[in-house]
């Protein structure tokens, strides 16, 4: 969704240095519902309609669209970094648990032999 919005606002460069001018037609894909897309040519991209979430569509200028896209990219980047940290923490925890289970599996036969030996002595 961000890539398509960036395309209409002047390319993936959200700093305003896009390759398309407002007066140039832009070829893009338009979601016609249920994630079905059709090709479209947009003649005027000075105003674009963006999905801002929960199915709400808002008409915004190219500048506003760039700001929205830039904010979403920052948010997704932060969420991605947080998820990566959590995954790393869970992986470390799983490795520790697997290591403990492996030690228990090795120690279990020795404990069983010692138990049996102790019973024989009684």
PDB file of N, CA and C in Angstrom:
ATOM      1  N   UNK A   1       0.823  -1.178   0.000  1.00  0.00           N
ATOM      2  CA  UNK A   1       0.000   0.000   0.000  1.00  0.00           C
ATOM      3  C   UNK A   1       0.873   1.249   0.000  1.00  0.00           C
ATOM      4  N   UNK A   2       1.949   1.250   0.770  1.00  0.00           N
ATOM      5  CA  UNK A   2       2.838   2.404   0.801  1.00  0.00           C
ATOM      6  C   UNK A   2       3.489   2.611  -0.553  1.00  0.00           C
ATOM      7  N   UNK A   3       3.913   1.523  -1.214  1.00  0.00           N
ATOM      8  CA  UNK A   3       4.558   1.663  -2.508  1.00  0.00           C
ATOM      9  C   UNK A   3       3.636   2.287  -3.539  1.00  0.00           C
ATOM     10  N   UNK A   4       2.373   1.867  -3.562  1.00  0.00           N
ATOM     11  CA  UNK A   4       1.416   2.432  -4.517  1.00  0.00           C
ATOM     12  C   UNK A   4       1.161   3.896  -4.215  1.00  0.00           C
ATOM     13  N   UNK A   5       1.053   4.244  -2.952  1.00  0.00           N
ATOM     14  CA  UNK A   5       0.841   5.639  -2.583  1.00  0.00           C
ATOM     15  C   UNK A   5       2.048   6.479  -2.953  1.00  0.00           C
ATOM     16  N   UNK A   6       3.243   5.920  -2.729  1.00  0.00           N
ATOM     17  CA  UNK A   6       4.459   6.641  -3.071  1.00  0.00           C
ATOM     18  C   UNK A   6       4.550   6.862  -4.569  1.00  0.00           C
ATOM     19  N   UNK A   7       4.089   5.890  -5.326  1.00  0.00           N
ATOM     20  CA  UNK A   7       4.103   6.006  -6.781  1.00  0.00           C
ATOM     21  C   UNK A   7       3.278   7.208  -7.227  1.00  0.00           C
ATOM     22  N   UNK A   8       2.111   7.387  -6.634  1.00  0.00           N
ATOM     23  CA  UNK A   8       1.233   8.494  -7.013  1.00  0.00           C
ATOM     24  C   UNK A   8       1.735   9.837  -6.497  1.00  0.00           C
ATOM     25  N   UNK A   9       2.479   9.836  -5.425  1.00  0.00           N
ATOM     26  CA  UNK A   9       2.949  11.104  -4.876  1.00  0.00           C
ATOM     27  C   UNK A   9       4.293  11.512  -5.450  1.00  0.00           C
ATOM     28  N   UNK A  10       4.842  10.705  -6.339  1.00  0.00           N
ATOM     29  CA  UNK A  10       6.051  11.147  -7.009  1.00  0.00           C
ATOM     30  C   UNK A  10       7.182  10.171  -6.949  1.00  0.00           C
ATOM     31  N   UNK A  11       6.968   8.926  -6.663  1.00  0.00           N
ATOM     32  CA  UNK A  11       7.917   7.822  -6.573  1.00  0.00           C
ATOM     33  C   UNK A  11       8.160   7.469  -5.128  1.00  0.00           C
ATOM     34  N   UNK A  12       8.997   6.464  -4.911  1.00  0.00           N
ATOM     35  CA  UNK A  12       9.249   5.984  -3.552  1.00  0.00           C
ATOM     36  C   UNK A  12      10.050   6.983  -2.734  1.00  0.00           C
ATOM     37  N   UNK A  13      10.599   8.011  -3.384  1.00  0.00           N
ATOM     38  CA  UNK A  13      11.337   9.036  -2.664  1.00  0.00           C
ATOM     39  C   UNK A  13      10.341   9.971  -2.004  1.00  0.00           C
ATOM     40  N   UNK A  14      10.199   9.873  -0.692  1.00  0.00           N
ATOM     41  CA  UNK A  14       9.192  10.661   0.015  1.00  0.00           C
ATOM     42  C   UNK A  14       9.722  12.035   0.406  1.00  0.00           C
ATOM     43  N   UNK A  15      10.907  12.391  -0.023  1.00  0.00           N
ATOM     44  CA  UNK A  15      11.470  13.690   0.317  1.00  0.00           C
ATOM     45  C   UNK A  15      11.106  14.776  -0.684  1.00  0.00           C
ATOM     46  N   UNK A  16      10.235  14.448  -1.635  1.00  0.00           N
ATOM     47  CA  UNK A  16       9.794  15.463  -2.568  1.00  0.00           C
ATOM     48  C   UNK A  16      10.627  15.534  -3.822  1.00  0.00           C
ATOM     49  N   UNK A  17      11.560  14.624  -4.004  1.00  0.00           N
ATOM     50  CA  UNK A  17      12.412  14.633  -5.185  1.00  0.00           C
ATOM     51  C   UNK A  17      11.963  13.579  -6.178  1.00  0.00           C
ATOM     52  N   UNK A  18      10.662  13.401  -6.290  1.00  0.00           N
ATOM     53  CA  UNK A  18      10.100  12.350  -7.132  1.00  0.00           C
ATOM     54  C   UNK A  18      10.309  12.611  -8.608  1.00  0.00           C
ATOM     55  N   UNK A  19      10.130  11.560  -9.397  1.00  0.00           N
ATOM     56  CA  UNK A  19      10.368  11.655 -10.825  1.00  0.00           C
ATOM     57  C   UNK A  19       9.161  12.183 -11.582  1.00  0.00           C
ATOM     58  N   UNK A  20       7.960  12.077 -11.014  1.00  0.00           N
ATOM     59  CA  UNK A  20       6.747  12.506 -11.703  1.00  0.00           C
ATOM     60  C   UNK A  20       6.306  13.869 -11.205  1.00  0.00           C
ATOM     61  N   UNK A  21       5.962  14.735 -12.155  1.00  0.00           N
ATOM     62  CA  UNK A  21       5.413  16.030 -11.794  1.00  0.00           C
ATOM     63  C   UNK A  21       3.907  15.891 -11.684  1.00  0.00           C
ATOM     64  N   UNK A  22       3.279  16.821 -11.000  1.00  0.00           N
ATOM     65  CA  UNK A  22       1.834  16.753 -10.785  1.00  0.00           C
ATOM     66  C   UNK A  22       1.067  16.717 -12.100  1.00  0.00           C
ATOM     67  N   UNK A  23       1.604  17.324 -13.150  1.00  0.00           N
ATOM     68  CA  UNK A  23       0.871  17.396 -14.414  1.00  0.00           C
ATOM     69  C   UNK A  23       1.085  16.171 -15.294  1.00  0.00           C
ATOM     70  N   UNK A  24       2.037  15.324 -14.962  1.00  0.00           N
ATOM     71  CA  UNK A  24       2.311  14.133 -15.768  1.00  0.00           C
ATOM     72  C   UNK A  24       1.388  12.986 -15.358  1.00  0.00           C
ATOM     73  N   UNK A  25       0.794  12.269 -16.337  1.00  0.00           N
ATOM     74  CA  UNK A  25      -0.021  11.095 -15.990  1.00  0.00           C
ATOM     75  C   UNK A  25       0.851  10.002 -15.359  1.00  0.00           C
ATOM     76  N   UNK A  26       0.245   9.266 -14.462  1.00  0.00           N
ATOM     77  CA  UNK A  26       0.961   8.192 -13.760  1.00  0.00           C
ATOM     78  C   UNK A  26       0.188   6.900 -13.960  1.00  0.00           C
ATOM     79  N   UNK A  27       0.905   5.825 -14.327  1.00  0.00           N
ATOM     80  CA  UNK A  27       0.291   4.502 -14.403  1.00  0.00           C
ATOM     81  C   UNK A  27       0.427   3.846 -13.042  1.00  0.00           C
ATOM     82  N   UNK A  28      -0.658   3.252 -12.577  1.00  0.00           N
ATOM     83  CA  UNK A  28      -0.654   2.622 -11.260  1.00  0.00           C
ATOM     84  C   UNK A  28      -1.668   1.490 -11.221  1.00  0.00           C
ATOM     85  N   UNK A  29      -1.826   0.900 -10.064  1.00  0.00           N
ATOM     86  CA  UNK A  29      -2.851  -0.111  -9.834  1.00  0.00           C
ATOM     87  C   UNK A  29      -3.836   0.455  -8.826  1.00  0.00           C
ATOM     88  N   UNK A  30      -5.114   0.167  -9.029  1.00  0.00           N
ATOM     89  CA  UNK A  30      -6.155   0.656  -8.121  1.00  0.00           C
ATOM     90  C   UNK A  30      -6.891  -0.552  -7.556  1.00  0.00           C
ATOM     91  N   UNK A  31      -7.004  -0.568  -6.233  1.00  0.00           N
ATOM     92  CA  UNK A  31      -7.735  -1.639  -5.549  1.00  0.00           C
ATOM     93  C   UNK A  31      -9.224  -1.397  -5.755  1.00  0.00           C
ATOM     94  N   UNK A  32      -9.898  -2.338  -6.408  1.00  0.00           N
ATOM     95  CA  UNK A  32     -11.337  -2.183  -6.645  1.00  0.00           C
ATOM     96  C   UNK A  32     -12.153  -2.987  -5.635  1.00  0.00           C
ATOM     97  N   UNK A  33     -11.493  -3.501  -4.627  1.00  0.00           N
ATOM     98  CA  UNK A  33     -12.174  -4.232  -3.557  1.00  0.00           C
ATOM     99  C   UNK A  33     -11.666  -5.643  -3.418  1.00  0.00           C
ATOM    100  N   UNK A  34     -11.626  -6.118  -2.183  1.00  0.00           N
ATOM    101  CA  UNK A  34     -11.187  -7.479  -1.867  1.00  0.00           C
ATOM    102  C   UNK A  34      -9.803  -7.790  -2.438  1.00  0.00           C
ATOM    103  N   UNK A  35      -8.950  -6.785  -2.452  1.00  0.00           N
ATOM    104  CA  UNK A  35      -7.570  -6.903  -2.950  1.00  0.00           C
ATOM    105  C   UNK A  35      -7.495  -7.288  -4.423  1.00  0.00           C
ATOM    106  N   UNK A  36      -8.504  -6.904  -5.214  1.00  0.00           N
ATOM    107  CA  UNK A  36      -8.447  -7.046  -6.671  1.00  0.00           C
ATOM    108  C   UNK A  36      -8.018  -5.706  -7.240  1.00  0.00           C
ATOM    109  N   UNK A  37      -7.003  -5.728  -8.110  1.00  0.00           N
ATOM    110  CA  UNK A  37      -6.438  -4.503  -8.641  1.00  0.00           C
ATOM    111  C   UNK A  37      -6.621  -4.432 -10.150  1.00  0.00           C
ATOM    112  N   UNK A  38      -6.795  -3.215 -10.645  1.00  0.00           N
ATOM    113  CA  UNK A  38      -6.830  -2.968 -12.085  1.00  0.00           C
ATOM    114  C   UNK A  38      -5.803  -1.880 -12.381  1.00  0.00           C
ATOM    115  N   UNK A  39      -5.279  -1.923 -13.601  1.00  0.00           N
ATOM    116  CA  UNK A  39      -4.359  -0.868 -14.023  1.00  0.00           C
ATOM    117  C   UNK A  39      -5.150   0.407 -14.269  1.00  0.00           C
ATOM    118  N   UNK A  40      -4.520   1.517 -13.964  1.00  0.00           N
ATOM    119  CA  UNK A  40      -5.185   2.798 -14.175  1.00  0.00           C
ATOM    120  C   UNK A  40      -4.143   3.845 -14.545  1.00  0.00           C
ATOM    121  N   UNK A  41      -4.592   4.850 -15.248  1.00  0.00           N
ATOM    122  CA  UNK A  41      -3.751   6.011 -15.552  1.00  0.00           C
ATOM    123  C   UNK A  41      -4.396   7.188 -14.842  1.00  0.00           C
ATOM    124  N   UNK A  42      -3.610   7.820 -13.985  1.00  0.00           N
ATOM    125  CA  UNK A  42      -4.098   8.968 -13.231  1.00  0.00           C
ATOM    126  C   UNK A  42      -3.528  10.213 -13.901  1.00  0.00           C
ATOM    127  N   UNK A  43      -4.435  11.049 -14.422  1.00  0.00           N
ATOM    128  CA  UNK A  43      -3.994  12.234 -15.156  1.00  0.00           C
ATOM    129  C   UNK A  43      -3.460  13.329 -14.245  1.00  0.00           C
ATOM    130  N   UNK A  44      -4.116  13.541 -13.124  1.00  0.00           N
ATOM    131  CA  UNK A  44      -3.708  14.619 -12.218  1.00  0.00           C
ATOM    132  C   UNK A  44      -3.464  14.026 -10.835  1.00  0.00           C
ATOM    133  N   UNK A  45      -2.219  14.095 -10.400  1.00  0.00           N
ATOM    134  CA  UNK A  45      -1.880  13.525  -9.095  1.00  0.00           C
ATOM    135  C   UNK A  45      -1.584  14.605  -8.061  1.00  0.00           C
ATOM    136  N   UNK A  46      -2.069  15.815  -8.315  1.00  0.00           N
ATOM    137  CA  UNK A  46      -1.884  16.868  -7.315  1.00  0.00           C
ATOM    138  C   UNK A  46      -2.704  16.544  -6.061  1.00  0.00           C
ATOM    139  N   UNK A  47      -3.856  15.956  -6.241  1.00  0.00           N
ATOM    140  CA  UNK A  47      -4.674  15.473  -5.138  1.00  0.00           C
ATOM    141  C   UNK A  47      -4.790  13.964  -5.293  1.00  0.00           C
ATOM    142  N   UNK A  48      -4.586  13.235  -4.213  1.00  0.00           N
ATOM    143  CA  UNK A  48      -4.720  11.779  -4.245  1.00  0.00           C
ATOM    144  C   UNK A  48      -5.651  11.345  -3.126  1.00  0.00           C
ATOM    145  N   UNK A  49      -6.252  10.187  -3.304  1.00  0.00           N
ATOM    146  CA  UNK A  49      -7.105   9.624  -2.264  1.00  0.00           C
ATOM    147  C   UNK A  49      -6.323   8.496  -1.611  1.00  0.00           C
ATOM    148  N   UNK A  50      -6.158   8.585  -0.295  1.00  0.00           N
ATOM    149  CA  UNK A  50      -5.379   7.596   0.448  1.00  0.00           C
ATOM    150  C   UNK A  50      -6.268   6.879   1.445  1.00  0.00           C
ATOM    151  N   UNK A  51      -5.995   5.605   1.609  1.00  0.00           N
ATOM    152  CA  UNK A  51      -6.631   4.818   2.657  1.00  0.00           C
ATOM    153  C   UNK A  51      -5.823   5.070   3.920  1.00  0.00           C
ATOM    154  N   UNK A  52      -6.429   5.724   4.905  1.00  0.00           N
ATOM    155  CA  UNK A  52      -5.713   6.035   6.134  1.00  0.00           C
ATOM    156  C   UNK A  52      -5.993   5.031   7.243  1.00  0.00           C
ATOM    157  N   UNK A  53      -6.684   3.947   6.898  1.00  0.00           N
ATOM    158  CA  UNK A  53      -6.938   2.881   7.859  1.00  0.00           C
ATOM    159  C   UNK A  53      -8.413   2.720   8.152  1.00  0.00           C
ATOM    160  N   UNK A  54      -8.776   1.497   8.506  1.00  0.00           N
ATOM    161  CA  UNK A  54     -10.149   1.148   8.833  1.00  0.00           C
ATOM    162  C   UNK A  54     -11.122   1.472   7.701  1.00  0.00           C
ATOM    163  N   UNK A  55     -10.602   1.424   6.476  1.00  0.00           N
ATOM    164  CA  UNK A  55     -11.444   1.672   5.313  1.00  0.00           C
ATOM    165  C   UNK A  55     -11.786   3.127   5.083  1.00  0.00           C
ATOM    166  N   UNK A  56     -11.132   4.028   5.792  1.00  0.00           N
ATOM    167  CA  UNK A  56     -11.384   5.454   5.637  1.00  0.00           C
ATOM    168  C   UNK A  56     -10.481   5.998   4.534  1.00  0.00           C
ATOM    169  N   UNK A  57     -11.097   6.626   3.532  1.00  0.00           N
ATOM    170  CA  UNK A  57     -10.366   7.223   2.426  1.00  0.00           C
ATOM    171  C   UNK A  57     -10.401   8.734   2.578  1.00  0.00           C
ATOM    172  N   UNK A  58      -9.245   9.369   2.364  1.00  0.00           N
ATOM    173  CA  UNK A  58      -9.133  10.804   2.529  1.00  0.00           C
ATOM    174  C   UNK A  58      -8.433  11.390   1.307  1.00  0.00           C
ATOM    175  N   UNK A  59      -8.962  12.502   0.796  1.00  0.00           N
ATOM    176  CA  UNK A  59      -8.305  13.194  -0.305  1.00  0.00           C
ATOM    177  C   UNK A  59      -7.260  14.125   0.284  1.00  0.00           C
ATOM    178  N   UNK A  60      -6.016  13.969  -0.164  1.00  0.00           N
ATOM    179  CA  UNK A  60      -4.903  14.762   0.360  1.00  0.00           C
ATOM    180  C   UNK A  60      -4.060  15.284  -0.795  1.00  0.00           C
ATOM    181  N   UNK A  61      -3.251  16.290  -0.496  1.00  0.00           N
ATOM    182  CA  UNK A  61      -2.320  16.806  -1.492  1.00  0.00           C
ATOM    183  C   UNK A  61      -1.109  15.898  -1.560  1.00  0.00           C
ATOM    184  N   UNK A  62      -0.290  16.092  -2.581  1.00  0.00           N
ATOM    185  CA  UNK A  62       0.933  15.295  -2.694  1.00  0.00           C
ATOM    186  C   UNK A  62       1.815  15.475  -1.465  1.00  0.00           C
ATOM    187  N   UNK A  63       1.920  16.718  -0.983  1.00  0.00           N
ATOM    188  CA  UNK A  63       2.757  16.986   0.190  1.00  0.00           C
ATOM    189  C   UNK A  63       2.227  16.242   1.412  1.00  0.00           C
ATOM    190  N   UNK A  64       0.911  16.294   1.632  1.00  0.00           N
ATOM    191  CA  UNK A  64       0.319  15.592   2.771  1.00  0.00           C
ATOM    192  C   UNK A  64       0.505  14.084   2.630  1.00  0.00           C
ATOM    193  N   UNK A  65       0.367  13.591   1.398  1.00  0.00           N
ATOM    194  CA  UNK A  65       0.555  12.155   1.163  1.00  0.00           C
ATOM    195  C   UNK A  65       1.985  11.744   1.487  1.00  0.00           C
ATOM    196  N   UNK A  66       2.949  12.573   1.078  1.00  0.00           N
ATOM    197  CA  UNK A  66       4.356  12.275   1.395  1.00  0.00           C
ATOM    198  C   UNK A  66       4.570  12.202   2.901  1.00  0.00           C
ATOM    199  N   UNK A  67       3.955  13.144   3.635  1.00  0.00           N
ATOM    200  CA  UNK A  67       4.103  13.160   5.091  1.00  0.00           C
ATOM    201  C   UNK A  67       3.478  11.905   5.716  1.00  0.00           C
ATOM    202  N   UNK A  68       2.318  11.506   5.226  1.00  0.00           N
ATOM    203  CA  UNK A  68       1.653  10.298   5.737  1.00  0.00           C
ATOM    204  C   UNK A  68       2.507   9.074   5.458  1.00  0.00           C
ATOM    205  N   UNK A  69       3.012   8.979   4.233  1.00  0.00           N
ATOM    206  CA  UNK A  69       3.842   7.831   3.850  1.00  0.00           C
ATOM    207  C   UNK A  69       5.118   7.794   4.676  1.00  0.00           C
ATOM    208  N   UNK A  70       5.747   8.947   4.845  1.00  0.00           N
ATOM    209  CA  UNK A  70       6.976   9.016   5.633  1.00  0.00           C
ATOM    210  C   UNK A  70       6.709   8.579   7.074  1.00  0.00           C
ATOM    211  N   UNK A  71       5.599   9.038   7.650  1.00  0.00           N
ATOM    212  CA  UNK A  71       5.249   8.642   9.017  1.00  0.00           C
ATOM    213  C   UNK A  71       4.989   7.153   9.127  1.00  0.00           C
ATOM    214  N   UNK A  72       4.304   6.595   8.128  1.00  0.00           N
ATOM    215  CA  UNK A  72       4.031   5.153   8.141  1.00  0.00           C
ATOM    216  C   UNK A  72       5.325   4.354   8.031  1.00  0.00           C
ATOM    217  N   UNK A  73       6.236   4.824   7.190  1.00  0.00           N
ATOM    218  CA  UNK A  73       7.521   4.123   7.053  1.00  0.00           C
ATOM    219  C   UNK A  73       8.277   4.131   8.372  1.00  0.00           C
ATOM    220  N   UNK A  74       8.286   5.289   9.051  1.00  0.00           N
ATOM    221  CA  UNK A  74       8.963   5.358  10.359  1.00  0.00           C
ATOM    222  C   UNK A  74       8.295   4.421  11.357  1.00  0.00           C
ATOM    223  N   UNK A  75       6.963   4.407  11.376  1.00  0.00           N
ATOM    224  CA  UNK A  75       6.238   3.532  12.291  1.00  0.00           C
ATOM    225  C   UNK A  75       6.535   2.067  12.003  1.00  0.00           C
ATOM    226  N   UNK A  76       6.454   1.664  10.734  1.00  0.00           N
ATOM    227  CA  UNK A  76       6.712   0.266  10.380  1.00  0.00           C
ATOM    228  C   UNK A  76       8.155  -0.126  10.679  1.00  0.00           C
ATOM    229  N   UNK A  77       9.071   0.809  10.477  1.00  0.00           N
ATOM    230  CA  UNK A  77      10.475   0.528  10.785  1.00  0.00           C
ATOM    231  C   UNK A  77      10.654   0.291  12.285  1.00  0.00           C
ATOM    232  N   UNK A  78      10.041   1.139  13.102  1.00  0.00           N
ATOM    233  CA  UNK A  78      10.136   0.983  14.559  1.00  0.00           C
ATOM    234  C   UNK A  78       9.484  -0.325  15.004  1.00  0.00           C
ATOM    235  N   UNK A  79       8.327  -0.642  14.433  1.00  0.00           N
ATOM    236  CA  UNK A  79       7.651  -1.896  14.781  1.00  0.00           C
ATOM    237  C   UNK A  79       8.493  -3.103  14.370  1.00  0.00           C
ATOM    238  N   UNK A  80       9.130  -3.005  13.215  1.00  0.00           N
ATOM    239  CA  UNK A  80       9.984  -4.089  12.737  1.00  0.00           C
ATOM    240  C   UNK A  80      11.182  -4.292  13.662  1.00  0.00           C
ATOM    241  N   UNK A  81      11.809  -3.191  14.076  1.00  0.00           N
ATOM    242  CA  UNK A  81      12.943  -3.292  14.995  1.00  0.00           C
ATOM    243  C   UNK A  81      12.519  -3.908  16.322  1.00  0.00           C
ATOM    244  N   UNK A  82      11.355  -3.501  16.830  1.00  0.00           N
ATOM    245  CA  UNK A  82      10.848  -4.051  18.087  1.00  0.00           C
ATOM    246  C   UNK A  82      10.574  -5.542  17.952  1.00  0.00           C
ATOM    247  N   UNK A  83       9.949  -5.933  16.838  1.00  0.00           N
ATOM    248  CA  UNK A  83       9.660  -7.356  16.613  1.00  0.00           C
ATOM    249  C   UNK A  83      10.953  -8.162  16.508  1.00  0.00           C
ATOM    250  N   UNK A  84      11.963  -7.606  15.850  1.00  0.00           N
ATOM    251  CA  UNK A  84      13.250  -8.290  15.718  1.00  0.00           C
ATOM    252  C   UNK A  84      13.886  -8.506  17.091  1.00  0.00           C
ATOM    253  N   UNK A  85      13.819  -7.497  17.952  1.00  0.00           N
ATOM    254  CA  UNK A  85      14.362  -7.628  19.312  1.00  0.00           C
ATOM    255  C   UNK A  85      13.618  -8.710  20.091  1.00  0.00           C
ATOM    256  N   UNK A  86      12.297  -8.718  19.963  1.00  0.00           N
ATOM    257  CA  UNK A  86      11.506  -9.735  20.666  1.00  0.00           C
ATOM    258  C   UNK A  86      11.824 -11.132  20.155  1.00  0.00           C
ATOM    259  N   UNK A  87      11.952 -11.273  18.855  1.00  0.00           N
ATOM    260  CA  UNK A  87      12.281 -12.573  18.265  1.00  0.00           C
ATOM    261  C   UNK A  87      13.635 -13.052  18.766  1.00  0.00           C
ATOM    262  N   UNK A  88      14.613 -12.150  18.799  1.00  0.00           N
ATOM    263  CA  UNK A  88      15.953 -12.503  19.279  1.00  0.00           C
ATOM    264  C   UNK A  88      15.896 -12.957  20.734  1.00  0.00           C
ATOM    265  N   UNK A  89      15.095 -12.256  21.553  1.00  0.00           N
ATOM    266  CA  UNK A  89      14.952 -12.622  22.965  1.00  0.00           C
ATOM    267  C   UNK A  89      14.312 -14.007  23.101  1.00  0.00           C
ATOM    268  N   UNK A  90      13.265 -14.257  22.332  1.00  0.00           N
ATOM    269  CA  UNK A  90      12.575 -15.559  22.400  1.00  0.00           C
ATOM    270  C   UNK A  90      13.502 -16.672  21.917  1.00  0.00           C
ATOM    271  N   UNK A  91      14.268 -16.406  20.853  1.00  0.00           N
ATOM    272  CA  UNK A  91      15.206 -17.420  20.354  1.00  0.00           C
ATOM    273  C   UNK A  91      16.252 -17.761  21.407  1.00  0.00           C
ATOM    274  N   UNK A  92      16.759 -16.744  22.103  1.00  0.00           N
ATOM    275  CA  UNK A  92      17.746 -16.993  23.158  1.00  0.00           C
ATOM    276  C   UNK A  92      17.125 -17.811  24.284  1.00  0.00           C
ATOM    277  N   UNK A  93      15.897 -17.492  24.639  1.00  0.00           N
ATOM    278  CA  UNK A  93      15.205 -18.232  25.695  1.00  0.00           C
ATOM    279  C   UNK A  93      14.977 -19.683  25.266  1.00  0.00           C
ATOM    280  N   UNK A  94      14.546 -19.889  24.033  1.00  0.00           N
ATOM    281  CA  UNK A  94      14.339 -21.250  23.527  1.00  0.00           C
ATOM    282  C   UNK A  94      15.639 -22.043  23.516  1.00  0.00           C
ATOM    283  N   UNK A  95      16.722 -21.390  23.130  1.00  0.00           N
ATOM    284  CA  UNK A  95      18.025 -22.067  23.114  1.00  0.00           C
ATOM    285  C   UNK A  95      18.407 -22.503  24.525  1.00  0.00           C
ATOM    286  N   UNK A  96      18.143 -21.644  25.506  1.00  0.00           N
ATOM    287  CA  UNK A  96      18.440 -21.982  26.901  1.00  0.00           C
ATOM    288  C   UNK A  96      17.590 -23.160  27.372  1.00  0.00           C
ATOM    289  N   UNK A  97      16.314 -23.137  27.030  1.00  0.00           N
ATOM    290  CA  UNK A  97      15.415 -24.235  27.424  1.00  0.00           C
ATOM    291  C   UNK A  97      15.842 -25.538  26.752  1.00  0.00           C
ATOM    292  N   UNK A  98      16.164 -25.486  25.472  1.00  0.00           N
ATOM    293  CA  UNK A  98      16.600 -26.689  24.753  1.00  0.00           C
ATOM    294  C   UNK A  98      17.895 -27.240  25.343  1.00  0.00           C
ATOM    295  N   UNK A  99      18.796 -26.360  25.722  1.00  0.00           N
ATOM    296  CA  UNK A  99      20.049 -26.780  26.343  1.00  0.00           C
ATOM    297  C   UNK A  99      19.773 -27.469  27.683  1.00  0.00           C
ATOM    298  N   UNK A 100      18.866 -26.907  28.479  1.00  0.00           N
ATOM    299  CA  UNK A 100      18.505 -27.516  29.770  1.00  0.00           C
ATOM    300  C   UNK A 100      17.857 -28.882  29.565  1.00  0.00           C
ATOM    301  N   UNK A 101      16.955 -28.974  28.584  1.00  0.00           N
ATOM    302  CA  UNK A 101      16.313 -30.265  28.298  1.00  0.00           C
ATOM    303  C   UNK A 101      17.325 -31.307  27.843  1.00  0.00           C
ATOM    304  N   UNK A 102      18.287 -30.874  27.054  1.00  0.00           N
ATOM    305  CA  UNK A 102      19.328 -31.789  26.587  1.00  0.00           C
ATOM    306  C   UNK A 102      20.144 -32.316  27.771  1.00  0.00           C
ATOM    307  N   UNK A 103      20.481 -31.435  28.710  1.00  0.00           N
ATOM    308  CA  UNK A 103      21.228 -31.854  29.902  1.00  0.00           C
ATOM    309  C   UNK A 103      20.417 -32.828  30.744  1.00  0.00           C
ATOM    310  N   UNK A 104      19.108 -32.571  30.864  1.00  0.00           N
ATOM    311  CA  UNK A 104      18.246 -33.480  31.623  1.00  0.00           C
ATOM    312  C   UNK A 104      18.159 -34.845  30.962  1.00  0.00           C
ATOM    313  N   UNK A 105      18.103 -34.850  29.639  1.00  0.00           N
ATOM    314  CA  UNK A 105      18.016 -36.114  28.909  1.00  0.00           C
ATOM    315  C   UNK A 105      19.291 -36.937  29.118  1.00  0.00           C
ATOM    316  N   UNK A 106      20.439 -36.287  29.157  1.00  0.00           N
ATOM    317  CA  UNK A 106      21.708 -36.986  29.380  1.00  0.00           C
ATOM    318  C   UNK A 106      21.792 -37.468  30.829  1.00  0.00           C
ATOM    319  N   UNK A 107      21.296 -36.641  31.747  1.00  0.00           N
ATOM    320  CA  UNK A 107      21.391 -36.984  33.164  1.00  0.00           C
ATOM    321  C   UNK A 107      20.351 -38.018  33.576  1.00  0.00           C
ATOM    322  N   UNK A 108      19.245 -38.127  32.884  1.00  0.00           N
ATOM    323  CA  UNK A 108      18.163 -39.030  33.272  1.00  0.00           C
ATOM    324  C   UNK A 108      18.603 -40.487  33.370  1.00  0.00           C
ATOM    325  N   UNK A 109      19.334 -41.041  32.388  1.00  0.00           N
ATOM    326  CA  UNK A 109      19.760 -42.445  32.534  1.00  0.00           C
ATOM    327  C   UNK A 109      20.689 -42.653  33.735  1.00  0.00           C
ATOM    328  N   UNK A 110      21.559 -41.699  34.006  1.00  0.00           N
ATOM    329  CA  UNK A 110      22.472 -41.831  35.145  1.00  0.00           C
ATOM    330  C   UNK A 110      21.678 -41.824  36.452  1.00  0.00           C
ATOM    331  N   UNK A 111      20.672 -40.999  36.542  1.00  0.00           N
ATOM    332  CA  UNK A 111      19.833 -40.940  37.744  1.00  0.00           C
ATOM    333  C   UNK A 111      19.075 -42.254  37.896  1.00  0.00           C
ATOM    334  N   UNK A 112      18.568 -42.802  36.793  1.00  0.00           N
ATOM    335  CA  UNK A 112      17.820 -44.064  36.847  1.00  0.00           C
ATOM    336  C   UNK A 112      18.724 -45.199  37.312  1.00  0.00           C
ATOM    337  N   UNK A 113      19.959 -45.239  36.824  1.00  0.00           N
ATOM    338  CA  UNK A 113      20.913 -46.277  37.237  1.00  0.00           C
ATOM    339  C   UNK A 113      21.217 -46.128  38.719  1.00  0.00           C
ATOM    340  N   UNK A 114      21.431 -44.903  39.206  1.00  0.00           N
ATOM    341  CA  UNK A 114      21.731 -44.669  40.617  1.00  0.00           C
ATOM    342  C   UNK A 114      20.542 -45.066  41.487  1.00  0.00           C
ATOM    343  N   UNK A 115      19.338 -44.774  41.046  1.00  0.00           N
ATOM    344  CA  UNK A 115      18.117 -45.145  41.779  1.00  0.00           C
ATOM    345  C   UNK A 115      18.012 -46.658  41.884  1.00  0.00           C
ATOM    346  N   UNK A 116      18.246 -47.319  40.773  1.00  0.00           N
ATOM    347  CA  UNK A 116      18.144 -48.772  40.768  1.00  0.00           C
ATOM    348  C   UNK A 116      19.213 -49.406  41.656  1.00  0.00           C
ATOM    349  N   UNK A 117      20.408 -48.843  41.642  1.00  0.00           N
ATOM    350  CA  UNK A 117      21.494 -49.329  42.475  1.00  0.00           C
ATOM    351  C   UNK A 117      21.145 -49.145  43.943  1.00  0.00           C
ATOM    352  N   UNK A 118      20.547 -48.037  44.285  1.00  0.00           N
ATOM    353  CA  UNK A 118      20.173 -47.757  45.672  1.00  0.00           C
ATOM    354  C   UNK A 118      19.091 -48.730  46.132  1.00  0.00           C
ATOM    355  N   UNK A 119      18.161 -49.078  45.267  1.00  0.00           N
ATOM    356  CA  UNK A 119      17.112 -50.030  45.615  1.00  0.00           C
ATOM    357  C   UNK A 119      17.701 -51.417  45.845  1.00  0.00           C
ATOM    358  N   UNK A 120      18.681 -51.760  45.016  1.00  0.00           N
ATOM    359  CA  UNK A 120      19.304 -53.069  45.177  1.00  0.00           C
ATOM    360  C   UNK A 120      20.041 -53.177  46.497  1.00  0.00           C
ATOM    361  N   UNK A 121      20.611 -52.049  46.976  1.00  0.00           N
ATOM    362  CA  UNK A 121      21.340 -52.047  48.231  1.00  0.00           C
ATOM    363  C   UNK A 121      20.392 -52.208  49.426  1.00  0.00           C
ATOM    364  N   UNK A 122      19.143 -51.834  49.278  1.00  0.00           N
ATOM    365  CA  UNK A 122      18.182 -51.920  50.396  1.00  0.00           C
ATOM    366  C   UNK A 122      17.689 -53.290  50.530  1.00  0.00           C
TER     367      UNK A 122
END
